[in-house]
Structures are given as structure tokens and as C-alpha cells.
C-alpha atoms as a PDB file:
ATOM      1  CA  MET A   1       0.060   0.315  -0.078  1.00  0.00           C
ATOM      2  CA  TYR A   2       1.185   3.510  -0.714  1.00  0.00           C
ATOM      3  CA  THR A   3       1.244   6.466   1.588  1.00  0.00           C
ATOM      4  CA  LYS A   4       3.005   9.541   2.332  1.00  0.00           C
ATOM      5  CA  ILE A   5       4.785  10.069   5.465  1.00  0.00           C
ATOM      6  CA  GLY A   6       4.945  13.282   6.810  1.00  0.00           C
ATOM      7  CA  ARG A   7       7.142  16.114   5.084  1.00  0.00           C
ATOM      8  CA  ASN A   8       9.856  14.120   4.077  1.00  0.00           C
ATOM      9  CA  HIS A   9       8.129  11.089   2.397  1.00  0.00           C
ATOM     10  CA  LYS A  10      10.734  11.030  -0.111  1.00  0.00           C
ATOM     11  CA  LEU A  11      13.273   9.813   2.481  1.00  0.00           C
ATOM     12  CA  GLY A  12      10.922   6.960   3.931  1.00  0.00           C
ATOM     13  CA  GLY A  13      10.064   4.006   2.370  1.00  0.00           C
ATOM     14  CA  PRO A  14       6.636   4.567  -0.028  1.00  0.00           C
ATOM     15  CA  TRP A  15       5.460   0.864   0.924  1.00  0.00           C
ATOM     16  CA  LEU A  16       3.640  -0.578   3.782  1.00  0.00           C
ATOM     17  CA  GLY A  17       3.112  -4.146   4.303  1.00  0.00           C
ATOM     18  CA  PRO A  18       2.874  -6.842   3.397  1.00  0.00           C
ATOM     19  CA  PHE A  19      -0.562  -7.424   3.833  1.00  0.00           C
ATOM     20  CA  ASN A  20      -3.280 -10.212   3.428  1.00  0.00           C
ATOM     21  CA  VAL A  21      -6.228  -9.681   1.162  1.00  0.00           C
ATOM     22  CA  SER A  22      -9.506 -10.378   2.473  1.00  0.00           C
ATOM     23  CA  GLU A  23     -11.785  -9.783  -0.319  1.00  0.00           C
ATOM     24  CA  GLY A  24     -11.518  -8.866  -3.650  1.00  0.00           C
ATOM     25  CA  PRO A  25     -11.524  -7.740  -6.724  1.00  0.00           C
ATOM     26  CA  ASP A  26     -14.891  -6.027  -6.638  1.00  0.00           C
ATOM     27  CA  LYS A  27     -16.387  -4.487  -9.930  1.00  0.00           C
ATOM     28  CA  HIS A  28     -14.186  -1.363  -9.338  1.00  0.00           C
ATOM     29  CA  ASN A  29     -10.970  -3.381  -8.904  1.00  0.00           C
ATOM     30  CA  ASN A  30     -10.803  -2.757  -5.122  1.00  0.00           C
ATOM     31  CA  TYR A  31      -9.115  -5.393  -2.779  1.00  0.00           C
ATOM     32  CA  LYS A  32     -10.124  -5.471   1.067  1.00  0.00           C
ATOM     33  CA  LEU A  33      -6.988  -5.680   3.315  1.00  0.00           C
ATOM     34  CA  VAL A  34      -6.372  -7.159   6.585  1.00  0.00           C
ATOM     35  CA  LEU A  35      -4.943  -4.411   8.506  1.00  0.00           C
ATOM     36  CA  PRO A  36      -3.034  -4.488  12.103  1.00  0.00           C
ATOM     37  CA  ASP A  37      -4.734  -2.803  14.746  1.00  0.00           C
ATOM     38  CA  ILE A  38      -2.600   0.284  15.032  1.00  0.00           C
ATOM     39  CA  MET A  39      -4.173   0.897  11.432  1.00  0.00           C
ATOM     40  CA  LYS A  40      -7.340   1.165  12.525  1.00  0.00           C
ATOM     41  CA  GLY A  41      -8.138   4.643  11.213  1.00  0.00           C
ATOM     42  CA  ILE A  42      -7.554   3.364   7.713  1.00  0.00           C
ATOM     43  CA  HIS A  43      -9.994   2.222   5.644  1.00  0.00           C
ATOM     44  CA  PRO A  44      -9.440  -1.249   4.527  1.00  0.00           C
ATOM     45  CA  GLY A  45     -10.999  -0.873   0.906  1.00  0.00           C
ATOM     46  CA  ILE A  46      -7.782  -0.271  -1.461  1.00  0.00           C
ATOM     47  CA  HIS A  47      -7.709   0.215  -5.168  1.00  0.00           C
ATOM     48  CA  ARG A  48      -5.476  -2.366  -7.199  1.00  0.00           C
ATOM     49  CA  THR A  49      -3.189   0.769  -8.617  1.00  0.00           C
ATOM     50  CA  HIS A  50      -2.260   1.364  -4.856  1.00  0.00           C
ATOM     51  CA  LEU A  51      -1.100  -2.027  -4.204  1.00  0.00           C
ATOM     52  CA  ARG A  52       1.680  -4.260  -5.380  1.00  0.00           C
ATOM     53  CA  ILE A  53       2.636  -8.027  -5.026  1.00  0.00           C
ATOM     54  CA  TYR A  54       5.018  -8.424  -1.852  1.00  0.00           C
ATOM     55  CA  LEU A  55       8.193 -10.627  -2.908  1.00  0.00           C
ATOM     56  CA  ARG A  56      10.350 -12.408  -0.274  1.00  0.00           C
ATOM     57  CA  PRO A  57      13.778 -11.120  -0.467  1.00  0.00           C
ATOM     58  CA  ASN A  58      16.238 -13.611  -1.484  1.00  0.00           C
ATOM     59  CA  LEU A  59      18.700 -13.619   1.058  1.00  0.00           C
ATOM     60  CA  GLU A  60      21.079 -16.012   0.023  1.00  0.00           C
ATOM     61  CA  ALA A  61      21.656 -14.223  -3.181  1.00  0.00           C
ATOM     62  CA  PHE A  62      24.086 -11.750  -1.510  1.00  0.00           C
ATOM     63  CA  PRO A  63      26.678 -13.742   0.967  1.00  0.00           C
ATOM     64  CA  GLY A  64      28.207 -11.298   3.653  1.00  0.00           C
ATOM     65  CA  VAL A  65      25.250  -8.974   3.835  1.00  0.00           C
ATOM     66  CA  PRO A  66      23.938  -9.052   7.105  1.00  0.00           C
ATOM     67  CA  THR A  67      20.095 -10.513   7.537  1.00  0.00           C
ATOM     68  CA  PRO A  68      17.657  -8.083   8.787  1.00  0.00           C
ATOM     69  CA  HIS A  69      16.648  -8.004  12.661  1.00  0.00           C
ATOM     70  CA  PRO A  70      13.013  -8.151  12.750  1.00  0.00           C
ATOM     71  CA  GLN A  71      11.477  -5.158  14.631  1.00  0.00           C
ATOM     72  CA  GLN A  72       9.594  -5.668  17.832  1.00  0.00           C
ATOM     73  CA  PRO A  73       5.702  -5.276  17.986  1.00  0.00           C
ATOM     74  CA  VAL A  74       4.499  -2.289  19.200  1.00  0.00           C
ATOM     75  CA  VAL A  75       2.935  -2.530  22.491  1.00  0.00           C
ATOM     76  CA  ILE A  76      -0.714  -0.980  22.804  1.00  0.00           C
ATOM     77  CA  ASP A  77      -2.167  -0.163  26.162  1.00  0.00           C
ATOM     78  CA  ALA A  78      -5.901  -0.318  27.274  1.00  0.00           C
ATOM     79  CA  SER A  79      -6.320   3.140  25.962  1.00  0.00           C
ATOM     80  CA  GLY A  80      -5.272   2.612  22.299  1.00  0.00           C
ATOM     81  CA  ASN A  81      -2.001   4.556  22.610  1.00  0.00           C
ATOM     82  CA  GLU A  82       1.623   2.840  21.373  1.00  0.00           C
ATOM     83  CA  LEU A  83       3.883   2.015  24.077  1.00  0.00           C
ATOM     84  CA  TRP A  84       7.598   2.233  23.124  1.00  0.00           C
ATOM     85  CA  ALA A  85      10.599   1.095  25.166  1.00  0.00           C
ATOM     86  CA  VAL A  86      13.697   3.554  25.347  1.00  0.00           C
ATOM     87  CA  GLU A  87      16.974   1.840  25.257  1.00  0.00           C
ATOM     88  CA  LYS A  88      19.079   5.377  26.205  1.00  0.00           C
ATOM     89  CA  ILE A  89      19.215   9.075  24.983  1.00  0.00           C
ATOM     90  CA  LEU A  90      21.561   9.719  22.423  1.00  0.00           C
ATOM     91  CA  ASN A  91      21.338  13.870  22.213  1.00  0.00           C
ATOM     92  CA  ASP A  92      19.760  16.938  22.232  1.00  0.00           C
ATOM     93  CA  ARG A  93      18.737  20.104  20.283  1.00  0.00           C
ATOM     94  CA  ILE A  94      16.407  23.075  20.246  1.00  0.00           C
ATOM     95  CA  TYR A  95      14.803  22.812  17.023  1.00  0.00           C
ATOM     96  CA  ARG A  96      12.198  25.713  16.082  1.00  0.00           C
ATOM     97  CA  ARG A  97      12.384  26.901  19.662  1.00  0.00           C
ATOM     98  CA  LYS A  98      11.859  24.118  21.170  1.00  0.00           C
ATOM     99  CA  ARG A  99      14.334  21.280  23.062  1.00  0.00           C
ATOM    100  CA  GLN A 100      14.459  17.989  21.595  1.00  0.00           C
ATOM    101  CA  PHE A 101      16.186  14.828  22.368  1.00  0.00           C
ATOM    102  CA  LEU A 102      17.495  11.936  20.079  1.00  0.00           C
ATOM    103  CA  ILE A 103      15.981   8.856  21.571  1.00  0.00           C
ATOM    104  CA  HIS A 104      17.237   5.197  20.647  1.00  0.00           C
ATOM    105  CA  TRP A 105      14.408   3.038  20.960  1.00  0.00           C
ATOM    106  CA  LYS A 106      14.689  -0.913  22.353  1.00  0.00           C
ATOM    107  CA  GLY A 107      14.920  -3.385  19.926  1.00  0.00           C
ATOM    108  CA  TYR A 108      15.779  -0.926  17.151  1.00  0.00           C
ATOM    109  CA  ASP A 109      18.959   0.113  15.531  1.00  0.00           C
ATOM    110  CA  GLU A 110      20.739   3.216  16.450  1.00  0.00           C
ATOM    111  CA  ILE A 111      20.044   4.669  12.714  1.00  0.00           C
ATOM    112  CA  GLU A 112      16.569   4.606  13.482  1.00  0.00           C
ATOM    113  CA  ALA A 113      16.657   6.667  16.298  1.00  0.00           C
ATOM    114  CA  THR A 114      14.372   9.721  16.382  1.00  0.00           C
ATOM    115  CA  TRP A 115      13.974  13.160  17.359  1.00  0.00           C
ATOM    116  CA  GLU A 116      11.305  13.322  20.076  1.00  0.00           C
ATOM    117  CA  PRO A 117      10.221  17.015  21.726  1.00  0.00           C
ATOM    118  CA  LEU A 118      10.715  17.294  25.372  1.00  0.00           C
ATOM    119  CA  GLU A 119       6.663  17.444  25.981  1.00  0.00           C
ATOM    120  CA  HIS A 120       6.353  13.617  24.748  1.00  0.00           C
ATOM    121  CA  LEU A 121       8.845  12.299  27.132  1.00  0.00           C
ATOM    122  CA  GLU A 122       7.379  12.541  30.552  1.00  0.00           C
ATOM    123  CA  ALA A 123       7.657   8.902  31.069  1.00  0.00           C
ATOM    124  CA  ILE A 124      11.583   9.236  31.041  1.00  0.00           C
ATOM    125  CA  ARG A 125      12.153  12.216  32.932  1.00  0.00           C
ATOM    126  CA  ASP A 126      14.520  10.482  35.257  1.00  0.00           C
ATOM    127  CA  ASP A 127      16.713   9.726  32.339  1.00  0.00           C
ATOM    128  CA  ILE A 128      16.655  13.109  30.739  1.00  0.00           C
ATOM    129  CA  TRP A 129      17.635  14.505  33.934  1.00  0.00           C
ATOM    130  CA  THR A 130      20.652  11.983  34.220  1.00  0.00           C
ATOM    131  CA  TYR A 131      21.590  12.367  30.842  1.00  0.00           C
ATOM    132  CA  TRP A 132      21.784  16.238  31.180  1.00  0.00           C
ATOM    133  CA  PHE A 133      23.901  16.037  33.980  1.00  0.00           C
ATOM    134  CA  ASN A 134      26.230  13.726  32.859  1.00  0.00           C
ATOM    135  CA  THR A 135      26.588  15.427  29.360  1.00  0.00           C
ATOM    136  CA  TYR A 136      26.869  19.042  30.684  1.00  0.00           C
ATOM    137  CA  ASN A 137      27.645  18.357  34.448  1.00  0.00           C
ATOM    138  CA  GLN A 138      25.101  20.690  35.671  1.00  0.00           C
ATOM    139  CA  ALA A 139      21.454  20.947  36.369  1.00  0.00           C
ATOM    140  CA  ILE A 140      18.720  21.230  33.799  1.00  0.00           C
ATOM    141  CA  PRO A 141      18.992  24.961  32.868  1.00  0.00           C
ATOM    142  CA  PHE A 142      15.628  25.036  31.107  1.00  0.00           C
ATOM    143  CA  GLU A 143      11.778  24.679  32.485  1.00  0.00           C
ATOM    144  CA  VAL A 144      10.465  20.978  32.045  1.00  0.00           C
ATOM    145  CA  PRO A 145       7.138  21.307  31.392  1.00  0.00           C
ATOM    146  CA  TRP A 146       5.721  18.398  33.541  1.00  0.00           C
ATOM    147  CA  THR A 147       7.491  19.390  36.605  1.00  0.00           C
ATOM    148  CA  HIS A 148       6.450  21.807  39.833  1.00  0.00           C
ATOM    149  CA  ASN A 149       9.490  23.609  40.577  1.00  0.00           C
ATOM    150  CA  ASP A 150      11.690  20.287  41.279  1.00  0.00           C
ATOM    151  CA  VAL A 151      15.167  21.221  42.037  1.00  0.00           C
ATOM    152  CA  TRP A 152      17.895  18.697  40.843  1.00  0.00           C
ATOM    153  CA  SER A 153      21.073  19.238  42.061  1.00  0.00           C
ATOM    154  CA  ALA A 154      24.454  17.411  41.177  1.00  0.00           C
ATOM    155  CA  ARG A 155      24.417  15.343  44.424  1.00  0.00           C
ATOM    156  CA  THR A 156      20.842  14.299  43.541  1.00  0.00           C
ATOM    157  CA  CYS A 157      21.754  13.008  40.304  1.00  0.00           C
ATOM    158  CA  ASN A 158      24.857  11.345  41.445  1.00  0.00           C
ATOM    159  CA  GLY A 159      23.491  10.301  44.844  1.00  0.00           C
ATOM    160  CA  GLY A 160      21.820   7.500  43.475  1.00  0.00           C
ATOM    161  CA  THR A 161      18.122   8.657  44.361  1.00  0.00           C
ATOM    162  CA  LEU A 162      16.994   8.325  40.456  1.00  0.00           C
END
């Protein structure tokens, strides 16, 4: 199935899948796909021009090329939100006047790390404070949106209270 992914859709792969076909073709050449729960907002009826036959890669054709590791499945909580496990924080930056952190996700290669805004990282606030102190050797100089006058000193970060 073809889809544009964000503003930089040219850099991402244009195809998603493979998906099983449950019905089709109908009189208009539409197929009904079996989509995973994470794609529940997408209508499963797709026209044939947006579909391609999936060919499994022949991994024996190129000896010496490492086999790709299968990605970990995404965990979905009871409210339907995706839960991702963080391996470590790699870097930080200010992008469009907002603080972002480069997150290496557990189960994925480091090249697939993503820049995440500070507002989305409340669940790993202790990791952020530890990263900041270990990188810059000072307390966080900016306001963290989910705290209310929390004070973190060098002793707090090194003292093992995190």
C-alpha cells in the first residue's frame, strides 16, 4: 500500500506491508485488506493501483550481507496508545525554539533513532535529568513542562536517588 509519510516522505519507504487480502477484486478493482489494529483509522478498501505484489527477498543471493533483524512489535495499552521502550538518550537540540532529544528505541538499530520533543517524554524524565547531568555536568537550565519547581542538583543525580 502506498502512503506519504510526513513532510519528508521522499526519505521514507513508499510501501507498507505486506498485508493479507480478505476480499477482492470487486467490480471497481478494489481489494479489502486485513490491516493490523494500529492502522484502525485507515479504510481497508484499497484500489489495485495502490497495491503491489510482495516478493520475499532472497537472502542467499548476496552472501556476507547481514540479515535484517525483525522489528519488535509495538505494545498498545488499554486506551489504544502505542508504548515504546527507550534504550538511551543520544543527543539533544533546540529545533524551532523547542527542546528535543534524540531517542534510541529498544529493539531498533541506533540509525533508527528519532528526535522527540520534550513534551512527549514525561515517562522518561529521570533518564532526561541523568542524561543532562552526565553530558553537561549541571542541573537542567530550562523549564521542564511536567514539573512543579522540582530542584535537581549534582548530588541528587549522582547520589543514587534517581
